[in-house]
Amino acid sequence: MSIKIKTAEEIEKMRVAGRLAAEVLEMIEPHVKAGVTTEELDRICHDYITKDQQAIPAPLNYHGFPKSVCTSINHVVCHGIPAQADEEVPEANGKYIKPAVLKDGDIINIDVTVIKDGYHGDTSKMFEVGEVSLEDKRLCRVAQESLYLAIKKVKPGARVGDIGTAIQKFIKSGNSRFSIVKDYCGHGIGNEFHEEPQIVHYKNNDRTVLKEGMCFTIEPMINAGKFGCESDDQDGWTVYTVDGKKSAQWEHTLLVTKDGCEILTLRTEETLPRLMHNA
């Protein structure tokens, strides 16, 4: 499948969808607190997207995903399914917890994708619940910084491989205990949820040239321990770290511009400029 270069009309629709996705994360922040269930967070996001924004939550029924957002707590890497209560899930060597009720000290990624007028805006961020440990704060911060460093590599003429290479160089310099998830990646996006190219977040030799008008996500997942992941055999979606250590992820949807990129899902609390001029 070839990479789609967006027209001026499509870019305007992508800007709208990206802004709406960012607004969902801004709206939900006051609700992310101890005692709240992820199902309640999903309900609030669903109502906001469908009623206030008059848009569509892309994850709902996507290949059978049952909810409107993904909520990934602590050792859940991605694709966490919002639920009413914590659940014990059997595995070969005992049981592990599928978390659903937020507790003091948790970290949680909420991943939102909004469809407006047929186009997608995809973004996620980490939230800290109550008093979070310094180690977990550092994990969240490093994951966000890796995204920002990668964004600064995006410009016409750069290679897709430059993105993952920059992330790995940063993670390995002074953060040797952390690792980069290799099983999941960023992706092209537009009138389809997932398009070409794939954007991996580790060193690679993908020489695909970035061109003005391309849209894609960068969404590094950084683990506090080993990079390995395992999927939940029961629900087919939830992804856990293999060692039970925590994971953090941040995501933005980007547009390649004539001399850099535009962050289509930038939130108001972020200090990074929406338009990055990467000479």
C-alpha atoms as a PDB file:
ATOM      1  CA  MET A   1       0.000   0.000   0.000  1.00  0.00           C
ATOM      2  CA  SER A   2       1.456   3.357  -1.024  1.00  0.00           C
ATOM      3  CA  ILE A   3       1.887   6.410   1.187  1.00  0.00           C
ATOM      4  CA  LYS A   4      -0.887   8.975   0.780  1.00  0.00           C
ATOM      5  CA  ILE A   5       0.049  12.627   0.293  1.00  0.00           C
ATOM      6  CA  LYS A   6      -2.746  14.759   1.680  1.00  0.00           C
ATOM      7  CA  THR A   7      -4.399  17.491  -0.378  1.00  0.00           C
ATOM      8  CA  ALA A   8      -5.011  20.981   1.039  1.00  0.00           C
ATOM      9  CA  GLU A   9      -8.647  20.031   1.713  1.00  0.00           C
ATOM     10  CA  GLU A  10      -7.632  16.816   3.470  1.00  0.00           C
ATOM     11  CA  ILE A  11      -5.067  18.672   5.574  1.00  0.00           C
ATOM     12  CA  GLU A  12      -7.749  21.032   6.867  1.00  0.00           C
ATOM     13  CA  LYS A  13      -9.870  18.046   7.870  1.00  0.00           C
ATOM     14  CA  MET A  14      -6.858  16.475   9.581  1.00  0.00           C
ATOM     15  CA  ARG A  15      -6.300  19.703  11.528  1.00  0.00           C
ATOM     16  CA  VAL A  16      -9.885  19.637  12.771  1.00  0.00           C
ATOM     17  CA  ALA A  17      -9.730  15.966  13.779  1.00  0.00           C
ATOM     18  CA  GLY A  18      -6.377  16.478  15.493  1.00  0.00           C
ATOM     19  CA  ARG A  19      -7.629  19.455  17.472  1.00  0.00           C
ATOM     20  CA  LEU A  20     -10.689  17.524  18.619  1.00  0.00           C
ATOM     21  CA  ALA A  21      -8.570  14.569  19.780  1.00  0.00           C
ATOM     22  CA  ALA A  22      -6.347  16.914  21.794  1.00  0.00           C
ATOM     23  CA  GLU A  23      -9.406  18.526  23.366  1.00  0.00           C
ATOM     24  CA  VAL A  24     -10.630  15.139  24.609  1.00  0.00           C
ATOM     25  CA  LEU A  25      -7.402  14.639  26.568  1.00  0.00           C
ATOM     26  CA  GLU A  26      -7.676  18.151  27.990  1.00  0.00           C
ATOM     27  CA  MET A  27     -11.312  17.574  28.954  1.00  0.00           C
ATOM     28  CA  ILE A  28     -10.710  14.247  30.716  1.00  0.00           C
ATOM     29  CA  GLU A  29      -7.790  15.353  32.900  1.00  0.00           C
ATOM     30  CA  PRO A  30      -9.851  16.541  35.938  1.00  0.00           C
ATOM     31  CA  HIS A  31     -11.618  13.169  36.001  1.00  0.00           C
ATOM     32  CA  VAL A  32      -8.416  11.120  36.230  1.00  0.00           C
ATOM     33  CA  LYS A  33      -8.179  10.543  39.979  1.00  0.00           C
ATOM     34  CA  ALA A  34      -8.069   7.750  42.531  1.00  0.00           C
ATOM     35  CA  GLY A  35     -11.265   5.703  42.799  1.00  0.00           C
ATOM     36  CA  VAL A  36     -12.460   6.328  39.259  1.00  0.00           C
ATOM     37  CA  THR A  37     -12.918   3.333  36.979  1.00  0.00           C
ATOM     38  CA  THR A  38     -11.590   3.289  33.442  1.00  0.00           C
ATOM     39  CA  GLU A  39     -15.109   2.489  32.260  1.00  0.00           C
ATOM     40  CA  GLU A  40     -16.270   5.813  33.726  1.00  0.00           C
ATOM     41  CA  LEU A  41     -13.433   7.610  31.928  1.00  0.00           C
ATOM     42  CA  ASP A  42     -14.488   5.880  28.713  1.00  0.00           C
ATOM     43  CA  ARG A  43     -18.101   6.935  29.189  1.00  0.00           C
ATOM     44  CA  ILE A  44     -17.122  10.568  29.731  1.00  0.00           C
ATOM     45  CA  CYS A  45     -14.895  10.563  26.646  1.00  0.00           C
ATOM     46  CA  HIS A  46     -17.536   8.810  24.536  1.00  0.00           C
ATOM     47  CA  ASP A  47     -20.237  11.311  25.471  1.00  0.00           C
ATOM     48  CA  TYR A  48     -17.932  14.271  24.856  1.00  0.00           C
ATOM     49  CA  ILE A  49     -16.842  12.996  21.428  1.00  0.00           C
ATOM     50  CA  THR A  50     -20.306  12.015  20.213  1.00  0.00           C
ATOM     51  CA  LYS A  51     -22.412  14.788  21.792  1.00  0.00           C
ATOM     52  CA  ASP A  52     -20.181  17.836  22.223  1.00  0.00           C
ATOM     53  CA  GLN A  53     -17.867  17.313  19.261  1.00  0.00           C
ATOM     54  CA  GLN A  54     -20.425  15.589  16.997  1.00  0.00           C
ATOM     55  CA  ALA A  55     -17.654  13.178  16.036  1.00  0.00           C
ATOM     56  CA  ILE A  56     -16.945   9.443  16.151  1.00  0.00           C
ATOM     57  CA  PRO A  57     -14.636   7.563  18.565  1.00  0.00           C
ATOM     58  CA  ALA A  58     -12.505   5.531  16.153  1.00  0.00           C
ATOM     59  CA  PRO A  59     -11.582   2.647  18.511  1.00  0.00           C
ATOM     60  CA  LEU A  60     -15.218   1.666  19.175  1.00  0.00           C
ATOM     61  CA  ASN A  61     -15.872  -1.599  17.275  1.00  0.00           C
ATOM     62  CA  TYR A  62     -12.564  -1.263  15.393  1.00  0.00           C
ATOM     63  CA  HIS A  63     -11.741  -4.921  14.678  1.00  0.00           C
ATOM     64  CA  GLY A  64     -13.957  -5.731  17.642  1.00  0.00           C
ATOM     65  CA  PHE A  65     -12.484  -3.337  20.225  1.00  0.00           C
ATOM     66  CA  PRO A  66     -15.395  -2.782  22.635  1.00  0.00           C
ATOM     67  CA  LYS A  67     -14.771   0.741  23.958  1.00  0.00           C
ATOM     68  CA  SER A  68     -14.233   4.317  22.749  1.00  0.00           C
ATOM     69  CA  VAL A  69     -10.739   4.951  24.183  1.00  0.00           C
ATOM     70  CA  CYS A  70      -7.805   2.837  25.347  1.00  0.00           C
ATOM     71  CA  THR A  71      -6.835   3.057  29.028  1.00  0.00           C
ATOM     72  CA  SER A  72      -3.472   1.469  29.883  1.00  0.00           C
ATOM     73  CA  ILE A  73      -2.491   1.494  33.558  1.00  0.00           C
ATOM     74  CA  ASN A  74       0.985   0.810  34.997  1.00  0.00           C
ATOM     75  CA  HIS A  75       2.251  -2.480  33.469  1.00  0.00           C
ATOM     76  CA  VAL A  76      -0.274  -2.352  30.604  1.00  0.00           C
ATOM     77  CA  VAL A  77       1.689  -1.191  27.578  1.00  0.00           C
ATOM     78  CA  CYS A  78      -1.215  -0.377  25.256  1.00  0.00           C
ATOM     79  CA  HIS A  79      -4.752  -1.292  24.155  1.00  0.00           C
ATOM     80  CA  GLY A  80      -6.108  -1.470  27.694  1.00  0.00           C
ATOM     81  CA  ILE A  81      -9.878  -1.999  27.646  1.00  0.00           C
ATOM     82  CA  PRO A  82     -11.874   0.256  29.999  1.00  0.00           C
ATOM     83  CA  ALA A  83     -13.682  -1.795  32.643  1.00  0.00           C
ATOM     84  CA  GLN A  84     -15.678  -1.517  35.867  1.00  0.00           C
ATOM     85  CA  ALA A  85     -13.276  -3.295  38.223  1.00  0.00           C
ATOM     86  CA  ASP A  86      -9.840  -4.850  38.512  1.00  0.00           C
ATOM     87  CA  GLU A  87      -9.720  -8.418  37.240  1.00  0.00           C
ATOM     88  CA  GLU A  88      -7.449 -11.326  38.063  1.00  0.00           C
ATOM     89  CA  VAL A  89      -6.337 -12.950  34.832  1.00  0.00           C
ATOM     90  CA  PRO A  90      -4.880 -16.485  34.910  1.00  0.00           C
ATOM     91  CA  GLU A  91      -1.545 -17.225  33.291  1.00  0.00           C
ATOM     92  CA  ALA A  92       0.819 -20.185  33.237  1.00  0.00           C
ATOM     93  CA  ASN A  93       2.600 -19.288  36.469  1.00  0.00           C
ATOM     94  CA  GLY A  94      -0.253 -17.906  38.541  1.00  0.00           C
ATOM     95  CA  LYS A  95      -2.293 -14.714  38.148  1.00  0.00           C
ATOM     96  CA  TYR A  96      -1.756 -11.090  37.262  1.00  0.00           C
ATOM     97  CA  ILE A  97      -4.011  -8.078  37.592  1.00  0.00           C
ATOM     98  CA  LYS A  98      -5.819  -6.344  34.768  1.00  0.00           C
ATOM     99  CA  PRO A  99      -6.243  -2.927  36.420  1.00  0.00           C
ATOM    100  CA  ALA A 100      -9.396  -0.863  35.954  1.00  0.00           C
ATOM    101  CA  VAL A 101      -9.803   1.181  39.153  1.00  0.00           C
ATOM    102  CA  LEU A 102      -7.378   4.083  39.498  1.00  0.00           C
ATOM    103  CA  LYS A 103      -5.344   4.101  42.693  1.00  0.00           C
ATOM    104  CA  ASP A 104      -3.005   6.621  44.277  1.00  0.00           C
ATOM    105  CA  GLY A 105       0.427   6.258  42.667  1.00  0.00           C
ATOM    106  CA  ASP A 106      -0.823   4.832  39.352  1.00  0.00           C
ATOM    107  CA  ILE A 107       0.232   6.065  35.952  1.00  0.00           C
ATOM    108  CA  ILE A 108      -2.214   5.724  33.076  1.00  0.00           C
ATOM    109  CA  ASN A 109      -2.096   6.303  29.342  1.00  0.00           C
ATOM    110  CA  ILE A 110      -5.332   7.395  27.687  1.00  0.00           C
ATOM    111  CA  ASP A 111      -5.281   6.944  23.923  1.00  0.00           C
ATOM    112  CA  VAL A 112      -7.888   8.864  21.917  1.00  0.00           C
ATOM    113  CA  THR A 113      -8.686   8.751  18.213  1.00  0.00           C
ATOM    114  CA  VAL A 114     -11.469  10.950  16.853  1.00  0.00           C
ATOM    115  CA  ILE A 115     -13.058  10.751  13.401  1.00  0.00           C
ATOM    116  CA  LYS A 116     -14.505  13.992  12.041  1.00  0.00           C
ATOM    117  CA  ASP A 117     -15.756  14.317   8.466  1.00  0.00           C
ATOM    118  CA  GLY A 118     -14.077  11.001   7.668  1.00  0.00           C
ATOM    119  CA  TYR A 119     -10.577  11.926   8.935  1.00  0.00           C
ATOM    120  CA  HIS A 120      -8.707  10.748  12.021  1.00  0.00           C
ATOM    121  CA  GLY A 121      -6.854  12.535  14.812  1.00  0.00           C
ATOM    122  CA  ASP A 122      -4.869  10.184  17.063  1.00  0.00           C
ATOM    123  CA  THR A 123      -3.092  11.123  20.293  1.00  0.00           C
ATOM    124  CA  SER A 124      -2.306   9.894  23.795  1.00  0.00           C
ATOM    125  CA  LYS A 125      -0.700  11.109  26.998  1.00  0.00           C
ATOM    126  CA  MET A 126       0.291   9.885  30.440  1.00  0.00           C
ATOM    127  CA  PHE A 127      -1.621  10.939  33.546  1.00  0.00           C
ATOM    128  CA  GLU A 128      -0.302  10.660  37.103  1.00  0.00           C
ATOM    129  CA  VAL A 129      -2.770   9.656  39.824  1.00  0.00           C
ATOM    130  CA  GLY A 130      -2.098  11.210  43.223  1.00  0.00           C
ATOM    131  CA  GLU A 131       1.420  10.830  44.618  1.00  0.00           C
ATOM    132  CA  VAL A 132       3.484   9.073  41.969  1.00  0.00           C
ATOM    133  CA  SER A 133       6.986   7.776  42.689  1.00  0.00           C
ATOM    134  CA  LEU A 134       9.994   9.660  41.362  1.00  0.00           C
ATOM    135  CA  GLU A 135      10.922   6.610  39.286  1.00  0.00           C
ATOM    136  CA  ASP A 136       7.522   6.550  37.585  1.00  0.00           C
ATOM    137  CA  LYS A 137       7.606  10.320  37.039  1.00  0.00           C
ATOM    138  CA  ARG A 138      10.974   9.894  35.331  1.00  0.00           C
ATOM    139  CA  LEU A 139       9.634   7.098  33.123  1.00  0.00           C
ATOM    140  CA  CYS A 140       6.742   9.294  31.984  1.00  0.00           C
ATOM    141  CA  ARG A 141       9.031  12.280  31.406  1.00  0.00           C
ATOM    142  CA  VAL A 142      11.610  10.316  29.427  1.00  0.00           C
ATOM    143  CA  ALA A 143       8.912   8.800  27.204  1.00  0.00           C
ATOM    144  CA  GLN A 144       7.537  12.272  26.462  1.00  0.00           C
ATOM    145  CA  GLU A 145      10.994  13.690  25.782  1.00  0.00           C
ATOM    146  CA  SER A 146      11.679  10.843  23.355  1.00  0.00           C
ATOM    147  CA  LEU A 147       8.557  11.811  21.403  1.00  0.00           C
ATOM    148  CA  TYR A 148       9.593  15.469  21.289  1.00  0.00           C
ATOM    149  CA  LEU A 149      13.112  14.626  20.096  1.00  0.00           C
ATOM    150  CA  ALA A 150      11.653  12.434  17.359  1.00  0.00           C
ATOM    151  CA  ILE A 151       9.282  15.191  16.228  1.00  0.00           C
ATOM    152  CA  LYS A 152      12.277  17.479  15.723  1.00  0.00           C
ATOM    153  CA  LYS A 153      13.595  15.028  13.104  1.00  0.00           C
ATOM    154  CA  VAL A 154      10.505  15.346  10.917  1.00  0.00           C
ATOM    155  CA  LYS A 155      10.985  17.403   7.752  1.00  0.00           C
ATOM    156  CA  PRO A 156      10.960  16.851   3.984  1.00  0.00           C
ATOM    157  CA  GLY A 157      13.982  14.861   2.868  1.00  0.00           C
ATOM    158  CA  ALA A 158      14.496  13.134   6.221  1.00  0.00           C
ATOM    159  CA  ARG A 159      14.142   9.365   6.377  1.00  0.00           C
ATOM    160  CA  VAL A 160      11.570   7.391   8.342  1.00  0.00           C
ATOM    161  CA  GLY A 161      14.468   5.557   9.967  1.00  0.00           C
ATOM    162  CA  ASP A 162      15.768   8.831  11.447  1.00  0.00           C
ATOM    163  CA  ILE A 163      12.793   8.879  13.830  1.00  0.00           C
ATOM    164  CA  GLY A 164      13.397   5.564  15.556  1.00  0.00           C
ATOM    165  CA  THR A 165      17.162   6.044  15.517  1.00  0.00           C
ATOM    166  CA  ALA A 166      16.801   9.352  17.396  1.00  0.00           C
ATOM    167  CA  ILE A 167      14.542   7.736  20.011  1.00  0.00           C
ATOM    168  CA  GLN A 168      16.918   4.830  20.630  1.00  0.00           C
ATOM    169  CA  LYS A 169      19.940   7.103  20.907  1.00  0.00           C
ATOM    170  CA  PHE A 170      18.142   9.178  23.532  1.00  0.00           C
ATOM    171  CA  ILE A 171      16.819   6.226  25.540  1.00  0.00           C
ATOM    172  CA  LYS A 172      20.214   4.524  25.614  1.00  0.00           C
ATOM    173  CA  SER A 173      22.075   7.670  26.680  1.00  0.00           C
ATOM    174  CA  GLY A 174      21.643   7.838  30.422  1.00  0.00           C
ATOM    175  CA  ASN A 175      18.502   5.713  30.551  1.00  0.00           C
ATOM    176  CA  SER A 176      20.000   2.247  30.233  1.00  0.00           C
ATOM    177  CA  ARG A 177      17.370   0.677  32.511  1.00  0.00           C
ATOM    178  CA  PHE A 178      14.591   1.695  30.136  1.00  0.00           C
ATOM    179  CA  SER A 179      13.759  -0.144  26.925  1.00  0.00           C
ATOM    180  CA  ILE A 180      11.776   0.551  23.761  1.00  0.00           C
ATOM    181  CA  VAL A 181       8.798  -1.614  22.836  1.00  0.00           C
ATOM    182  CA  LYS A 182       9.395  -3.175  19.409  1.00  0.00           C
ATOM    183  CA  ASP A 183       6.088  -4.957  18.855  1.00  0.00           C
ATOM    184  CA  TYR A 184       4.024  -1.806  18.220  1.00  0.00           C
ATOM    185  CA  CYS A 185       4.681   1.278  16.133  1.00  0.00           C
ATOM    186  CA  GLY A 186       3.386   4.577  14.807  1.00  0.00           C
ATOM    187  CA  HIS A 187       1.573   4.728  11.495  1.00  0.00           C
ATOM    188  CA  GLY A 188       0.317   6.804   8.641  1.00  0.00           C
ATOM    189  CA  ILE A 189      -3.139   8.252   9.214  1.00  0.00           C
ATOM    190  CA  GLY A 190      -5.839  10.084   7.290  1.00  0.00           C
ATOM    191  CA  ASN A 191      -9.208   8.854   6.082  1.00  0.00           C
ATOM    192  CA  GLU A 192      -8.029   5.468   7.327  1.00  0.00           C
ATOM    193  CA  PHE A 193      -7.049   4.780  10.934  1.00  0.00           C
ATOM    194  CA  HIS A 194      -3.831   2.992   9.955  1.00  0.00           C
ATOM    195  CA  GLU A 195      -2.011   3.791   6.721  1.00  0.00           C
ATOM    196  CA  GLU A 196       1.548   3.572   5.459  1.00  0.00           C
ATOM    197  CA  PRO A 197       4.259   4.206   6.532  1.00  0.00           C
ATOM    198  CA  GLN A 198       4.947   2.290   9.722  1.00  0.00           C
ATOM    199  CA  ILE A 199       6.996   4.330  12.206  1.00  0.00           C
ATOM    200  CA  VAL A 200       9.085   2.106  14.480  1.00  0.00           C
ATOM    201  CA  HIS A 201      10.642   3.665  17.550  1.00  0.00           C
ATOM    202  CA  TYR A 202      14.053   1.975  17.603  1.00  0.00           C
ATOM    203  CA  LYS A 203      17.132   2.193  15.388  1.00  0.00           C
ATOM    204  CA  ASN A 204      16.370   1.002  11.865  1.00  0.00           C
ATOM    205  CA  ASN A 205      17.347   1.497   8.241  1.00  0.00           C
ATOM    206  CA  ASP A 206      13.979   2.504   6.766  1.00  0.00           C
ATOM    207  CA  ARG A 207      15.052   4.884   3.990  1.00  0.00           C
ATOM    208  CA  THR A 208      11.537   6.009   3.056  1.00  0.00           C
ATOM    209  CA  VAL A 209      11.800   9.742   2.398  1.00  0.00           C
ATOM    210  CA  LEU A 210       9.457  12.098   4.237  1.00  0.00           C
ATOM    211  CA  LYS A 211       7.537  14.409   1.903  1.00  0.00           C
ATOM    212  CA  GLU A 212       5.368  17.466   2.387  1.00  0.00           C
ATOM    213  CA  GLY A 213       1.750  16.422   2.892  1.00  0.00           C
ATOM    214  CA  MET A 214       2.449  13.135   4.678  1.00  0.00           C
ATOM    215  CA  CYS A 215       0.586  12.523   7.947  1.00  0.00           C
ATOM    216  CA  PHE A 216       1.583   9.937  10.546  1.00  0.00           C
ATOM    217  CA  THR A 217       1.791   9.288  14.254  1.00  0.00           C
ATOM    218  CA  ILE A 218       4.837   8.918  16.457  1.00  0.00           C
ATOM    219  CA  GLU A 219       3.977   7.053  19.672  1.00  0.00           C
ATOM    220  CA  PRO A 220       6.985   5.590  21.532  1.00  0.00           C
ATOM    221  CA  MET A 221       6.230   3.082  24.287  1.00  0.00           C
ATOM    222  CA  ILE A 222       9.014   2.987  26.861  1.00  0.00           C
ATOM    223  CA  ASN A 223       9.238   0.216  29.472  1.00  0.00           C
ATOM    224  CA  ALA A 224      10.906   0.524  32.863  1.00  0.00           C
ATOM    225  CA  GLY A 225      12.346  -2.967  32.402  1.00  0.00           C
ATOM    226  CA  LYS A 226      12.530  -5.405  29.494  1.00  0.00           C
ATOM    227  CA  PHE A 227      11.150  -4.434  26.089  1.00  0.00           C
ATOM    228  CA  GLY A 228       9.129  -7.634  25.692  1.00  0.00           C
ATOM    229  CA  CYS A 229       5.331  -7.659  25.697  1.00  0.00           C
ATOM    230  CA  GLU A 230       2.604 -10.274  25.936  1.00  0.00           C
ATOM    231  CA  SER A 231      -0.996 -10.043  24.820  1.00  0.00           C
ATOM    232  CA  ASP A 232      -4.011 -11.091  26.848  1.00  0.00           C
ATOM    233  CA  ASP A 233      -5.300 -14.355  25.380  1.00  0.00           C
ATOM    234  CA  GLN A 234      -8.769 -13.757  26.792  1.00  0.00           C
ATOM    235  CA  ASP A 235      -9.651 -10.301  25.475  1.00  0.00           C
ATOM    236  CA  GLY A 236      -7.274 -10.294  22.497  1.00  0.00           C
ATOM    237  CA  TRP A 237      -6.267  -6.668  23.069  1.00  0.00           C
ATOM    238  CA  THR A 238      -4.599  -5.845  26.382  1.00  0.00           C
ATOM    239  CA  VAL A 239      -0.786  -5.814  26.133  1.00  0.00           C
ATOM    240  CA  TYR A 240       1.380  -6.244  29.245  1.00  0.00           C
ATOM    241  CA  THR A 241       5.089  -5.892  29.962  1.00  0.00           C
ATOM    242  CA  VAL A 242       6.640  -9.356  30.281  1.00  0.00           C
ATOM    243  CA  ASP A 243       8.286  -8.530  33.615  1.00  0.00           C
ATOM    244  CA  GLY A 244       5.400  -6.675  35.255  1.00  0.00           C
ATOM    245  CA  LYS A 245       7.277  -3.375  35.292  1.00  0.00           C
ATOM    246  CA  LYS A 246       5.601  -0.166  34.221  1.00  0.00           C
ATOM    247  CA  SER A 247       5.335   1.346  30.759  1.00  0.00           C
ATOM    248  CA  ALA A 248       4.715   4.875  29.438  1.00  0.00           C
ATOM    249  CA  GLN A 249       3.600   6.185  26.058  1.00  0.00           C
ATOM    250  CA  TRP A 250       2.935   9.566  24.440  1.00  0.00           C
ATOM    251  CA  GLU A 251       1.575  10.111  20.941  1.00  0.00           C
ATOM    252  CA  HIS A 252       1.012  12.901  18.453  1.00  0.00           C
ATOM    253  CA  THR A 253      -0.325  13.071  14.898  1.00  0.00           C
ATOM    254  CA  LEU A 254       1.999  15.037  12.606  1.00  0.00           C
ATOM    255  CA  LEU A 255       1.827  16.709   9.204  1.00  0.00           C
ATOM    256  CA  VAL A 256       5.032  17.106   7.217  1.00  0.00           C
ATOM    257  CA  THR A 257       5.252  20.734   6.054  1.00  0.00           C
ATOM    258  CA  LYS A 258       7.547  22.405   3.516  1.00  0.00           C
ATOM    259  CA  ASP A 259      10.319  23.000   6.073  1.00  0.00           C
ATOM    260  CA  GLY A 260       9.440  20.861   9.097  1.00  0.00           C
ATOM    261  CA  CYS A 261       6.217  19.583  10.577  1.00  0.00           C
ATOM    262  CA  GLU A 262       2.963  20.608  12.218  1.00  0.00           C
ATOM    263  CA  ILE A 263       1.762  18.888  15.391  1.00  0.00           C
ATOM    264  CA  LEU A 264      -1.923  18.395  14.657  1.00  0.00           C
ATOM    265  CA  THR A 265      -2.777  17.116  18.159  1.00  0.00           C
ATOM    266  CA  LEU A 266      -0.840  19.654  20.268  1.00  0.00           C
ATOM    267  CA  ARG A 267      -2.484  20.389  23.624  1.00  0.00           C
ATOM    268  CA  THR A 268      -2.646  23.822  25.225  1.00  0.00           C
ATOM    269  CA  GLU A 269      -0.386  22.829  28.156  1.00  0.00           C
ATOM    270  CA  GLU A 270       2.492  21.874  25.871  1.00  0.00           C
ATOM    271  CA  THR A 271       5.360  24.291  25.293  1.00  0.00           C
ATOM    272  CA  LEU A 272       6.487  22.741  22.010  1.00  0.00           C
ATOM    273  CA  PRO A 273       5.480  24.993  19.080  1.00  0.00           C
ATOM    274  CA  ARG A 274       2.726  23.652  16.841  1.00  0.00           C
ATOM    275  CA  LEU A 275       4.799  24.454  13.758  1.00  0.00           C
ATOM    276  CA  MET A 276       8.310  22.998  13.908  1.00  0.00           C
ATOM    277  CA  HIS A 277      10.716  24.575  11.411  1.00  0.00           C
ATOM    278  CA  ASN A 278      13.420  21.933  11.184  1.00  0.00           C
ATOM    279  CA  ALA A 279      16.152  23.368   8.992  1.00  0.00           C
END
